[in-house]
């Protein structure tokens, strides 16, 4: 196979990112027909489809590998340009990271703030479940990820950050109303809970492990915001699992109470980054590992 034509890879990346052949053509200042021709030429070059023409448009396995390669090359280019032309203004360096919502709500912002203040970086935070952030590395959508998975992908390495401790909480009035005789199978069937969305199985795993209840046996709100979890629980409309790091003050003042102090959940988090990471991306990675290990229980 001959060397890649990066015009073709650029076309693939834009189509996937913008979810439109038309918008990708506009961004690259070419016709929609030209975009289609470039995708076709790329598929002929690798001998297989690189994307599935559906809604949403998704990359095939071969397409994901090409996108991952392309992102790495672009990353190296971004790091090289300032070194070769230090006096010339450069565009912000695009950095995409996949992070779980609980890390965003607790420690992650502190980790990336220094780099954002001191470097020309355009940050794209992809919020995903801690079990699925690795998929964003695999597809080339992100160059780093916080995950509960320790084993890194080929070409990446992982660093142990520490343990995120979770407890099942509610406010006092909610606990009196729904759990007057304590948390048990019967009371859980009538009490409204909160989870991130239908893919979030942390709450389901916790209840199944400690109370032998299936998800279909109780009801649960879906709210895609860790901060909203706290607000709803403080308002007394539901109970949920929350990181202790996020609600230290509420637990200390008694605004929230732990419903099952002897049944807490602990998730070990890891940071995954490219083996050849350097420059600003290396500083970001080092900062994330440093702050993560400082903030998380070990």
C-alpha atoms as a PDB file:
ATOM      1  CA  UNK A   1       0.000   0.000   0.000  1.00  0.00           C
ATOM      2  CA  UNK A   2       1.364   3.417  -0.993  1.00  0.00           C
ATOM      3  CA  UNK A   3       1.599   6.356   1.405  1.00  0.00           C
ATOM      4  CA  UNK A   4      -1.632   7.991   2.552  1.00  0.00           C
ATOM      5  CA  UNK A   5      -2.970  11.085   0.846  1.00  0.00           C
ATOM      6  CA  UNK A   6      -3.786  13.321   3.813  1.00  0.00           C
ATOM      7  CA  UNK A   7      -6.367  15.256   1.807  1.00  0.00           C
ATOM      8  CA  UNK A   8      -8.401  12.052   1.829  1.00  0.00           C
ATOM      9  CA  UNK A   9      -7.943  11.549   5.561  1.00  0.00           C
ATOM     10  CA  UNK A  10      -8.924  15.181   6.174  1.00  0.00           C
ATOM     11  CA  UNK A  11     -12.126  14.608   4.242  1.00  0.00           C
ATOM     12  CA  UNK A  12     -12.937  11.554   6.350  1.00  0.00           C
ATOM     13  CA  UNK A  13     -12.244  13.388   9.613  1.00  0.00           C
ATOM     14  CA  UNK A  14     -14.451  16.343   8.674  1.00  0.00           C
ATOM     15  CA  UNK A  15     -17.360  14.195   7.517  1.00  0.00           C
ATOM     16  CA  UNK A  16     -17.320  12.254  10.778  1.00  0.00           C
ATOM     17  CA  UNK A  17     -16.911  15.365  12.945  1.00  0.00           C
ATOM     18  CA  UNK A  18     -19.557  17.462  11.189  1.00  0.00           C
ATOM     19  CA  UNK A  19     -21.872  14.523  10.434  1.00  0.00           C
ATOM     20  CA  UNK A  20     -22.477  15.915   6.949  1.00  0.00           C
ATOM     21  CA  UNK A  21     -20.872  15.651   3.525  1.00  0.00           C
ATOM     22  CA  UNK A  22     -22.261  19.070   2.680  1.00  0.00           C
ATOM     23  CA  UNK A  23     -20.855  20.814   5.763  1.00  0.00           C
ATOM     24  CA  UNK A  24     -17.504  19.068   5.339  1.00  0.00           C
ATOM     25  CA  UNK A  25     -17.343  20.318   1.750  1.00  0.00           C
ATOM     26  CA  UNK A  26     -18.113  23.865   2.872  1.00  0.00           C
ATOM     27  CA  UNK A  27     -15.417  23.768   5.544  1.00  0.00           C
ATOM     28  CA  UNK A  28     -12.806  22.504   3.061  1.00  0.00           C
ATOM     29  CA  UNK A  29     -13.987  24.915   0.313  1.00  0.00           C
ATOM     30  CA  UNK A  30     -14.693  22.141  -2.154  1.00  0.00           C
ATOM     31  CA  UNK A  31     -17.858  20.711  -3.687  1.00  0.00           C
ATOM     32  CA  UNK A  32     -19.936  18.004  -2.044  1.00  0.00           C
ATOM     33  CA  UNK A  33     -19.149  15.816  -5.027  1.00  0.00           C
ATOM     34  CA  UNK A  34     -15.428  16.297  -4.379  1.00  0.00           C
ATOM     35  CA  UNK A  35     -15.856  15.208  -0.748  1.00  0.00           C
ATOM     36  CA  UNK A  36     -17.649  12.051  -1.881  1.00  0.00           C
ATOM     37  CA  UNK A  37     -14.907  11.372  -4.420  1.00  0.00           C
ATOM     38  CA  UNK A  38     -12.210  11.719  -1.759  1.00  0.00           C
ATOM     39  CA  UNK A  39     -13.997   9.268   0.536  1.00  0.00           C
ATOM     40  CA  UNK A  40     -14.405   6.855  -2.361  1.00  0.00           C
ATOM     41  CA  UNK A  41     -10.720   7.233  -3.286  1.00  0.00           C
ATOM     42  CA  UNK A  42      -9.730   6.511   0.318  1.00  0.00           C
ATOM     43  CA  UNK A  43     -11.894   3.400   0.372  1.00  0.00           C
ATOM     44  CA  UNK A  44     -10.366   2.211  -2.872  1.00  0.00           C
ATOM     45  CA  UNK A  45      -6.900   2.884  -1.436  1.00  0.00           C
ATOM     46  CA  UNK A  46      -7.461   0.743   1.679  1.00  0.00           C
ATOM     47  CA  UNK A  47      -9.681  -1.767  -0.082  1.00  0.00           C
ATOM     48  CA  UNK A  48     -12.668  -1.494   2.263  1.00  0.00           C
ATOM     49  CA  UNK A  49     -15.342   0.963   3.481  1.00  0.00           C
ATOM     50  CA  UNK A  50     -14.177   3.649   5.908  1.00  0.00           C
ATOM     51  CA  UNK A  51     -17.563   4.912   7.011  1.00  0.00           C
ATOM     52  CA  UNK A  52     -21.179   3.824   7.206  1.00  0.00           C
ATOM     53  CA  UNK A  53     -23.398   6.226   5.290  1.00  0.00           C
ATOM     54  CA  UNK A  54     -26.238   6.407   7.764  1.00  0.00           C
ATOM     55  CA  UNK A  55     -27.491   8.747  10.464  1.00  0.00           C
ATOM     56  CA  UNK A  56     -25.415   9.203  12.439  1.00  0.00           C
ATOM     57  CA  UNK A  57     -22.460   8.764  10.082  1.00  0.00           C
ATOM     58  CA  UNK A  58     -20.024   6.406  11.794  1.00  0.00           C
ATOM     59  CA  UNK A  59     -16.560   5.185  10.946  1.00  0.00           C
ATOM     60  CA  UNK A  60     -15.970   1.506  10.247  1.00  0.00           C
ATOM     61  CA  UNK A  61     -13.192  -0.307  12.111  1.00  0.00           C
ATOM     62  CA  UNK A  62     -10.795   0.609   9.288  1.00  0.00           C
ATOM     63  CA  UNK A  63     -12.080   4.195   9.382  1.00  0.00           C
ATOM     64  CA  UNK A  64     -11.478   4.407  13.139  1.00  0.00           C
ATOM     65  CA  UNK A  65      -7.893   3.231  12.680  1.00  0.00           C
ATOM     66  CA  UNK A  66      -7.332   5.839   9.958  1.00  0.00           C
ATOM     67  CA  UNK A  67      -8.853   8.588  12.110  1.00  0.00           C
ATOM     68  CA  UNK A  68      -6.707   7.607  15.075  1.00  0.00           C
ATOM     69  CA  UNK A  69      -3.586   7.760  12.891  1.00  0.00           C
ATOM     70  CA  UNK A  70      -4.656  11.096  11.388  1.00  0.00           C
ATOM     71  CA  UNK A  71      -5.284  12.639  14.842  1.00  0.00           C
ATOM     72  CA  UNK A  72      -1.821  11.580  16.000  1.00  0.00           C
ATOM     73  CA  UNK A  73      -0.187  13.105  12.928  1.00  0.00           C
ATOM     74  CA  UNK A  74      -2.104  16.381  13.428  1.00  0.00           C
ATOM     75  CA  UNK A  75      -1.059  16.392  17.063  1.00  0.00           C
ATOM     76  CA  UNK A  76       2.609  16.075  16.105  1.00  0.00           C
ATOM     77  CA  UNK A  77       2.208  18.857  13.523  1.00  0.00           C
ATOM     78  CA  UNK A  78       0.682  21.195  16.113  1.00  0.00           C
ATOM     79  CA  UNK A  79       3.612  20.582  18.435  1.00  0.00           C
ATOM     80  CA  UNK A  80       6.228  20.992  15.690  1.00  0.00           C
ATOM     81  CA  UNK A  81       5.042  24.261  14.127  1.00  0.00           C
ATOM     82  CA  UNK A  82       5.862  26.532  17.111  1.00  0.00           C
ATOM     83  CA  UNK A  83       9.330  25.015  17.331  1.00  0.00           C
ATOM     84  CA  UNK A  84      10.085  25.706  13.671  1.00  0.00           C
ATOM     85  CA  UNK A  85       8.418  29.126  13.559  1.00  0.00           C
ATOM     86  CA  UNK A  86       8.466  30.493  17.117  1.00  0.00           C
ATOM     87  CA  UNK A  87       7.938  34.105  16.049  1.00  0.00           C
ATOM     88  CA  UNK A  88       4.892  33.451  13.907  1.00  0.00           C
ATOM     89  CA  UNK A  89       1.391  33.429  15.421  1.00  0.00           C
ATOM     90  CA  UNK A  90      -0.130  29.965  15.378  1.00  0.00           C
ATOM     91  CA  UNK A  91      -3.682  28.739  15.629  1.00  0.00           C
ATOM     92  CA  UNK A  92      -4.872  27.288  18.924  1.00  0.00           C
ATOM     93  CA  UNK A  93      -3.887  23.677  19.327  1.00  0.00           C
ATOM     94  CA  UNK A  94      -7.003  21.483  19.355  1.00  0.00           C
ATOM     95  CA  UNK A  95      -7.019  18.989  22.210  1.00  0.00           C
ATOM     96  CA  UNK A  96      -9.839  16.473  22.662  1.00  0.00           C
ATOM     97  CA  UNK A  97     -10.087  14.559  25.931  1.00  0.00           C
ATOM     98  CA  UNK A  98     -12.656  11.962  27.007  1.00  0.00           C
ATOM     99  CA  UNK A  99     -13.661  12.285  30.653  1.00  0.00           C
ATOM    100  CA  UNK A 100     -16.455  10.985  32.865  1.00  0.00           C
ATOM    101  CA  UNK A 101     -18.925  13.491  34.311  1.00  0.00           C
ATOM    102  CA  UNK A 102     -18.002  12.813  37.949  1.00  0.00           C
ATOM    103  CA  UNK A 103     -14.354  13.683  37.311  1.00  0.00           C
ATOM    104  CA  UNK A 104     -15.416  16.917  35.600  1.00  0.00           C
ATOM    105  CA  UNK A 105     -17.546  17.786  38.634  1.00  0.00           C
ATOM    106  CA  UNK A 106     -14.815  17.079  41.179  1.00  0.00           C
ATOM    107  CA  UNK A 107     -11.132  17.325  40.224  1.00  0.00           C
ATOM    108  CA  UNK A 108     -10.538  17.472  36.466  1.00  0.00           C
ATOM    109  CA  UNK A 109     -11.063  21.217  35.947  1.00  0.00           C
ATOM    110  CA  UNK A 110      -8.314  21.958  38.493  1.00  0.00           C
ATOM    111  CA  UNK A 111      -5.995  19.697  36.499  1.00  0.00           C
ATOM    112  CA  UNK A 112      -6.398  21.401  33.123  1.00  0.00           C
ATOM    113  CA  UNK A 113      -6.774  25.037  34.223  1.00  0.00           C
ATOM    114  CA  UNK A 114      -3.010  25.837  34.438  1.00  0.00           C
ATOM    115  CA  UNK A 115      -2.378  24.593  30.897  1.00  0.00           C
ATOM    116  CA  UNK A 116      -5.347  26.519  29.497  1.00  0.00           C
ATOM    117  CA  UNK A 117      -4.082  29.712  31.145  1.00  0.00           C
ATOM    118  CA  UNK A 118      -0.536  29.375  29.842  1.00  0.00           C
ATOM    119  CA  UNK A 119      -0.919  27.839  26.384  1.00  0.00           C
ATOM    120  CA  UNK A 120      -2.888  28.483  23.211  1.00  0.00           C
ATOM    121  CA  UNK A 121      -5.221  25.495  23.446  1.00  0.00           C
ATOM    122  CA  UNK A 122      -8.718  24.894  22.087  1.00  0.00           C
ATOM    123  CA  UNK A 123     -10.145  22.246  24.392  1.00  0.00           C
ATOM    124  CA  UNK A 124     -12.867  19.768  23.488  1.00  0.00           C
ATOM    125  CA  UNK A 125     -14.074  17.791  26.508  1.00  0.00           C
ATOM    126  CA  UNK A 126     -16.013  14.691  25.493  1.00  0.00           C
ATOM    127  CA  UNK A 127     -18.226  13.638  28.416  1.00  0.00           C
ATOM    128  CA  UNK A 128     -18.662   9.866  28.429  1.00  0.00           C
ATOM    129  CA  UNK A 129     -19.166   7.010  30.883  1.00  0.00           C
ATOM    130  CA  UNK A 130     -15.963   5.959  32.604  1.00  0.00           C
ATOM    131  CA  UNK A 131     -16.288   2.489  31.031  1.00  0.00           C
ATOM    132  CA  UNK A 132     -16.591   3.943  27.508  1.00  0.00           C
ATOM    133  CA  UNK A 133     -14.069   6.793  27.361  1.00  0.00           C
ATOM    134  CA  UNK A 134     -11.505   4.371  25.940  1.00  0.00           C
ATOM    135  CA  UNK A 135     -13.724   4.017  22.871  1.00  0.00           C
ATOM    136  CA  UNK A 136     -13.022   7.679  22.077  1.00  0.00           C
ATOM    137  CA  UNK A 137      -9.287   6.891  21.920  1.00  0.00           C
ATOM    138  CA  UNK A 138      -9.938   3.876  19.744  1.00  0.00           C
ATOM    139  CA  UNK A 139     -11.976   5.942  17.274  1.00  0.00           C
ATOM    140  CA  UNK A 140      -9.461   8.789  17.224  1.00  0.00           C
ATOM    141  CA  UNK A 141     -11.935  11.290  18.670  1.00  0.00           C
ATOM    142  CA  UNK A 142      -9.741  11.916  21.736  1.00  0.00           C
ATOM    143  CA  UNK A 143      -6.034  11.801  22.537  1.00  0.00           C
ATOM    144  CA  UNK A 144      -6.433  11.157  26.268  1.00  0.00           C
ATOM    145  CA  UNK A 145      -9.057   9.617  28.532  1.00  0.00           C
ATOM    146  CA  UNK A 146     -10.024   9.064  32.156  1.00  0.00           C
ATOM    147  CA  UNK A 147     -11.221   5.491  32.534  1.00  0.00           C
ATOM    148  CA  UNK A 148     -11.927   2.689  35.009  1.00  0.00           C
ATOM    149  CA  UNK A 149     -10.104   0.354  32.616  1.00  0.00           C
ATOM    150  CA  UNK A 150      -6.444  -0.183  33.475  1.00  0.00           C
ATOM    151  CA  UNK A 151      -5.182  -1.946  30.340  1.00  0.00           C
ATOM    152  CA  UNK A 152      -4.183   0.599  27.674  1.00  0.00           C
ATOM    153  CA  UNK A 153      -4.817   0.314  23.958  1.00  0.00           C
ATOM    154  CA  UNK A 154      -1.885  -0.447  21.670  1.00  0.00           C
ATOM    155  CA  UNK A 155       0.239   2.702  21.375  1.00  0.00           C
ATOM    156  CA  UNK A 156      -1.089   4.161  24.636  1.00  0.00           C
ATOM    157  CA  UNK A 157      -0.124   3.863  28.283  1.00  0.00           C
ATOM    158  CA  UNK A 158      -2.113   4.189  31.484  1.00  0.00           C
ATOM    159  CA  UNK A 159      -1.414   5.820  34.841  1.00  0.00           C
ATOM    160  CA  UNK A 160      -3.249   5.021  38.066  1.00  0.00           C
ATOM    161  CA  UNK A 161      -4.918   8.157  39.386  1.00  0.00           C
ATOM    162  CA  UNK A 162      -6.608   6.861  42.510  1.00  0.00           C
ATOM    163  CA  UNK A 163      -9.971   5.852  43.874  1.00  0.00           C
ATOM    164  CA  UNK A 164     -13.270   7.677  43.496  1.00  0.00           C
ATOM    165  CA  UNK A 165     -15.463   6.827  46.493  1.00  0.00           C
ATOM    166  CA  UNK A 166     -19.247   6.884  46.084  1.00  0.00           C
ATOM    167  CA  UNK A 167     -22.004   6.785  48.687  1.00  0.00           C
ATOM    168  CA  UNK A 168     -25.774   6.465  48.433  1.00  0.00           C
ATOM    169  CA  UNK A 169     -27.257   9.744  49.665  1.00  0.00           C
ATOM    170  CA  UNK A 170     -30.486  11.670  50.205  1.00  0.00           C
ATOM    171  CA  UNK A 171     -31.613  14.586  52.303  1.00  0.00           C
ATOM    172  CA  UNK A 172     -33.181  13.962  55.719  1.00  0.00           C
ATOM    173  CA  UNK A 173     -36.793  14.612  54.709  1.00  0.00           C
ATOM    174  CA  UNK A 174     -36.506  12.210  51.756  1.00  0.00           C
ATOM    175  CA  UNK A 175     -34.999   9.539  53.997  1.00  0.00           C
ATOM    176  CA  UNK A 176     -37.822   9.934  56.555  1.00  0.00           C
ATOM    177  CA  UNK A 177     -40.458   9.688  53.812  1.00  0.00           C
ATOM    178  CA  UNK A 178     -39.123   6.756  51.812  1.00  0.00           C
ATOM    179  CA  UNK A 179     -36.821   4.916  54.215  1.00  0.00           C
ATOM    180  CA  UNK A 180     -38.458   5.182  57.674  1.00  0.00           C
ATOM    181  CA  UNK A 181     -37.413   1.600  58.457  1.00  0.00           C
ATOM    182  CA  UNK A 182     -34.122   1.792  56.578  1.00  0.00           C
ATOM    183  CA  UNK A 183     -33.045   0.999  53.019  1.00  0.00           C
ATOM    184  CA  UNK A 184     -34.320  -2.394  51.912  1.00  0.00           C
ATOM    185  CA  UNK A 185     -35.887  -4.109  48.916  1.00  0.00           C
ATOM    186  CA  UNK A 186     -39.408  -2.910  49.704  1.00  0.00           C
ATOM    187  CA  UNK A 187     -38.496   0.729  50.302  1.00  0.00           C
ATOM    188  CA  UNK A 188     -36.228   0.913  47.232  1.00  0.00           C
ATOM    189  CA  UNK A 189     -39.084  -0.202  44.985  1.00  0.00           C
ATOM    190  CA  UNK A 190     -41.032   2.950  45.889  1.00  0.00           C
ATOM    191  CA  UNK A 191     -38.222   5.523  46.141  1.00  0.00           C
ATOM    192  CA  UNK A 192     -37.201   7.576  43.062  1.00  0.00           C
ATOM    193  CA  UNK A 193     -33.522   7.318  42.172  1.00  0.00           C
ATOM    194  CA  UNK A 194     -31.287   9.186  39.697  1.00  0.00           C
ATOM    195  CA  UNK A 195     -28.806   7.857  37.143  1.00  0.00           C
ATOM    196  CA  UNK A 196     -26.854   9.611  34.404  1.00  0.00           C
ATOM    197  CA  UNK A 197     -28.723   7.925  31.549  1.00  0.00           C
ATOM    198  CA  UNK A 198     -29.892   4.485  30.426  1.00  0.00           C
ATOM    199  CA  UNK A 199     -26.283   3.432  29.734  1.00  0.00           C
ATOM    200  CA  UNK A 200     -25.168   4.262  33.276  1.00  0.00           C
ATOM    201  CA  UNK A 201     -25.017   0.935  35.091  1.00  0.00           C
ATOM    202  CA  UNK A 202     -23.236   2.093  38.258  1.00  0.00           C
ATOM    203  CA  UNK A 203     -26.486   2.584  40.182  1.00  0.00           C
ATOM    204  CA  UNK A 204     -27.895  -0.649  38.745  1.00  0.00           C
ATOM    205  CA  UNK A 205     -24.785  -2.619  39.773  1.00  0.00           C
ATOM    206  CA  UNK A 206     -24.831  -1.139  43.266  1.00  0.00           C
ATOM    207  CA  UNK A 207     -28.506  -1.917  43.949  1.00  0.00           C
ATOM    208  CA  UNK A 208     -28.203  -5.391  42.428  1.00  0.00           C
ATOM    209  CA  UNK A 209     -25.132  -6.216  44.507  1.00  0.00           C
ATOM    210  CA  UNK A 210     -26.407  -5.016  47.872  1.00  0.00           C
ATOM    211  CA  UNK A 211     -30.185  -5.464  47.580  1.00  0.00           C
ATOM    212  CA  UNK A 212     -30.673  -8.063  44.799  1.00  0.00           C
ATOM    213  CA  UNK A 213     -33.025  -5.842  42.807  1.00  0.00           C
ATOM    214  CA  UNK A 214     -33.089  -5.618  39.011  1.00  0.00           C
ATOM    215  CA  UNK A 215     -33.384  -2.226  37.301  1.00  0.00           C
ATOM    216  CA  UNK A 216     -36.928  -3.069  36.226  1.00  0.00           C
ATOM    217  CA  UNK A 217     -38.031  -3.368  39.867  1.00  0.00           C
ATOM    218  CA  UNK A 218     -37.630   0.314  40.795  1.00  0.00           C
ATOM    219  CA  UNK A 219     -37.824   3.623  38.981  1.00  0.00           C
ATOM    220  CA  UNK A 220     -35.003   5.972  38.186  1.00  0.00           C
ATOM    221  CA  UNK A 221     -34.765   9.469  36.708  1.00  0.00           C
ATOM    222  CA  UNK A 222     -32.181  10.083  33.943  1.00  0.00           C
ATOM    223  CA  UNK A 223     -30.229  13.322  34.342  1.00  0.00           C
ATOM    224  CA  UNK A 224     -27.055  13.934  32.315  1.00  0.00           C
ATOM    225  CA  UNK A 225     -25.355  16.235  34.830  1.00  0.00           C
ATOM    226  CA  UNK A 226     -23.450  15.421  38.015  1.00  0.00           C
ATOM    227  CA  UNK A 227     -24.193  18.905  39.352  1.00  0.00           C
ATOM    228  CA  UNK A 228     -27.921  18.382  38.742  1.00  0.00           C
ATOM    229  CA  UNK A 229     -27.704  15.131  40.726  1.00  0.00           C
ATOM    230  CA  UNK A 230     -26.625  17.110  43.771  1.00  0.00           C
ATOM    231  CA  UNK A 231     -29.274  19.799  43.273  1.00  0.00           C
ATOM    232  CA  UNK A 232     -32.111  17.274  42.944  1.00  0.00           C
ATOM    233  CA  UNK A 233     -30.991  15.259  45.948  1.00  0.00           C
ATOM    234  CA  UNK A 234     -30.687  18.418  48.062  1.00  0.00           C
ATOM    235  CA  UNK A 235     -34.228  19.345  46.989  1.00  0.00           C
ATOM    236  CA  UNK A 236     -35.444  16.026  48.357  1.00  0.00           C
ATOM    237  CA  UNK A 237     -36.912  14.604  45.160  1.00  0.00           C
ATOM    238  CA  UNK A 238     -34.624  11.579  44.773  1.00  0.00           C
ATOM    239  CA  UNK A 239     -31.676   9.611  46.116  1.00  0.00           C
ATOM    240  CA  UNK A 240     -28.542   8.599  44.222  1.00  0.00           C
ATOM    241  CA  UNK A 241     -24.912   7.560  44.250  1.00  0.00           C
ATOM    242  CA  UNK A 242     -22.561  10.546  44.400  1.00  0.00           C
ATOM    243  CA  UNK A 243     -18.788  10.934  44.746  1.00  0.00           C
ATOM    244  CA  UNK A 244     -17.904  11.776  48.351  1.00  0.00           C
ATOM    245  CA  UNK A 245     -15.414  14.275  46.952  1.00  0.00           C
ATOM    246  CA  UNK A 246     -18.304  16.205  45.372  1.00  0.00           C
ATOM    247  CA  UNK A 247     -20.465  16.437  48.491  1.00  0.00           C
ATOM    248  CA  UNK A 248     -17.955  16.723  51.323  1.00  0.00           C
ATOM    249  CA  UNK A 249     -19.525  19.940  52.634  1.00  0.00           C
ATOM    250  CA  UNK A 250     -23.105  18.652  52.355  1.00  0.00           C
ATOM    251  CA  UNK A 251     -22.213  15.505  54.304  1.00  0.00           C
ATOM    252  CA  UNK A 252     -20.322  17.512  56.909  1.00  0.00           C
ATOM    253  CA  UNK A 253     -23.226  19.902  57.557  1.00  0.00           C
ATOM    254  CA  UNK A 254     -25.887  17.196  57.442  1.00  0.00           C
ATOM    255  CA  UNK A 255     -27.584  18.667  54.389  1.00  0.00           C
ATOM    256  CA  UNK A 256     -27.192  15.205  52.867  1.00  0.00           C
ATOM    257  CA  UNK A 257     -26.876  11.914  54.689  1.00  0.00           C
ATOM    258  CA  UNK A 258     -25.342   8.611  53.698  1.00  0.00           C
ATOM    259  CA  UNK A 259     -28.119   6.040  53.486  1.00  0.00           C
ATOM    260  CA  UNK A 260     -25.823   2.998  53.580  1.00  0.00           C
ATOM    261  CA  UNK A 261     -22.510   4.032  55.185  1.00  0.00           C
ATOM    262  CA  UNK A 262     -21.332   0.422  55.268  1.00  0.00           C
ATOM    263  CA  UNK A 263     -22.103  -0.138  51.582  1.00  0.00           C
ATOM    264  CA  UNK A 264     -19.988   2.369  49.711  1.00  0.00           C
ATOM    265  CA  UNK A 265     -18.730   1.945  46.144  1.00  0.00           C
ATOM    266  CA  UNK A 266     -15.125   2.517  45.077  1.00  0.00           C
ATOM    267  CA  UNK A 267     -14.008   2.951  41.440  1.00  0.00           C
ATOM    268  CA  UNK A 268     -10.304   3.101  40.532  1.00  0.00           C
ATOM    269  CA  UNK A 269      -9.577   5.662  37.805  1.00  0.00           C
ATOM    270  CA  UNK A 270      -6.750   5.645  35.250  1.00  0.00           C
ATOM    271  CA  UNK A 271      -5.435   8.228  32.815  1.00  0.00           C
ATOM    272  CA  UNK A 272      -4.672   6.970  29.290  1.00  0.00           C
ATOM    273  CA  UNK A 273      -2.446   8.900  26.910  1.00  0.00           C
ATOM    274  CA  UNK A 274      -0.479   8.281  23.738  1.00  0.00           C
ATOM    275  CA  UNK A 275       2.972   6.744  24.269  1.00  0.00           C
ATOM    276  CA  UNK A 276       4.612   9.423  22.075  1.00  0.00           C
ATOM    277  CA  UNK A 277       2.818  12.363  23.706  1.00  0.00           C
ATOM    278  CA  UNK A 278       4.987  15.484  23.890  1.00  0.00           C
ATOM    279  CA  UNK A 279       4.875  19.271  24.051  1.00  0.00           C
ATOM    280  CA  UNK A 280       1.654  20.827  25.360  1.00  0.00           C
ATOM    281  CA  UNK A 281      -0.125  17.481  25.298  1.00  0.00           C
ATOM    282  CA  UNK A 282       2.557  16.030  27.547  1.00  0.00           C
ATOM    283  CA  UNK A 283       2.123  18.928  29.970  1.00  0.00           C
ATOM    284  CA  UNK A 284      -1.628  18.328  29.983  1.00  0.00           C
ATOM    285  CA  UNK A 285      -1.085  14.626  30.651  1.00  0.00           C
ATOM    286  CA  UNK A 286       1.406  15.264  33.450  1.00  0.00           C
ATOM    287  CA  UNK A 287      -0.879  17.819  35.072  1.00  0.00           C
ATOM    288  CA  UNK A 288      -3.868  15.469  34.940  1.00  0.00           C
ATOM    289  CA  UNK A 289      -1.885  12.638  36.531  1.00  0.00           C
ATOM    290  CA  UNK A 290      -0.442  14.930  39.215  1.00  0.00           C
ATOM    291  CA  UNK A 291      -3.729  16.547  40.252  1.00  0.00           C
ATOM    292  CA  UNK A 292      -5.691  13.322  39.872  1.00  0.00           C
ATOM    293  CA  UNK A 293      -3.337  11.470  42.211  1.00  0.00           C
ATOM    294  CA  UNK A 294      -3.442  14.393  44.650  1.00  0.00           C
ATOM    295  CA  UNK A 295      -7.237  14.710  44.749  1.00  0.00           C
ATOM    296  CA  UNK A 296      -8.334  11.080  44.620  1.00  0.00           C
ATOM    297  CA  UNK A 297      -8.121   8.720  47.565  1.00  0.00           C
ATOM    298  CA  UNK A 298      -5.370   6.126  47.205  1.00  0.00           C
END
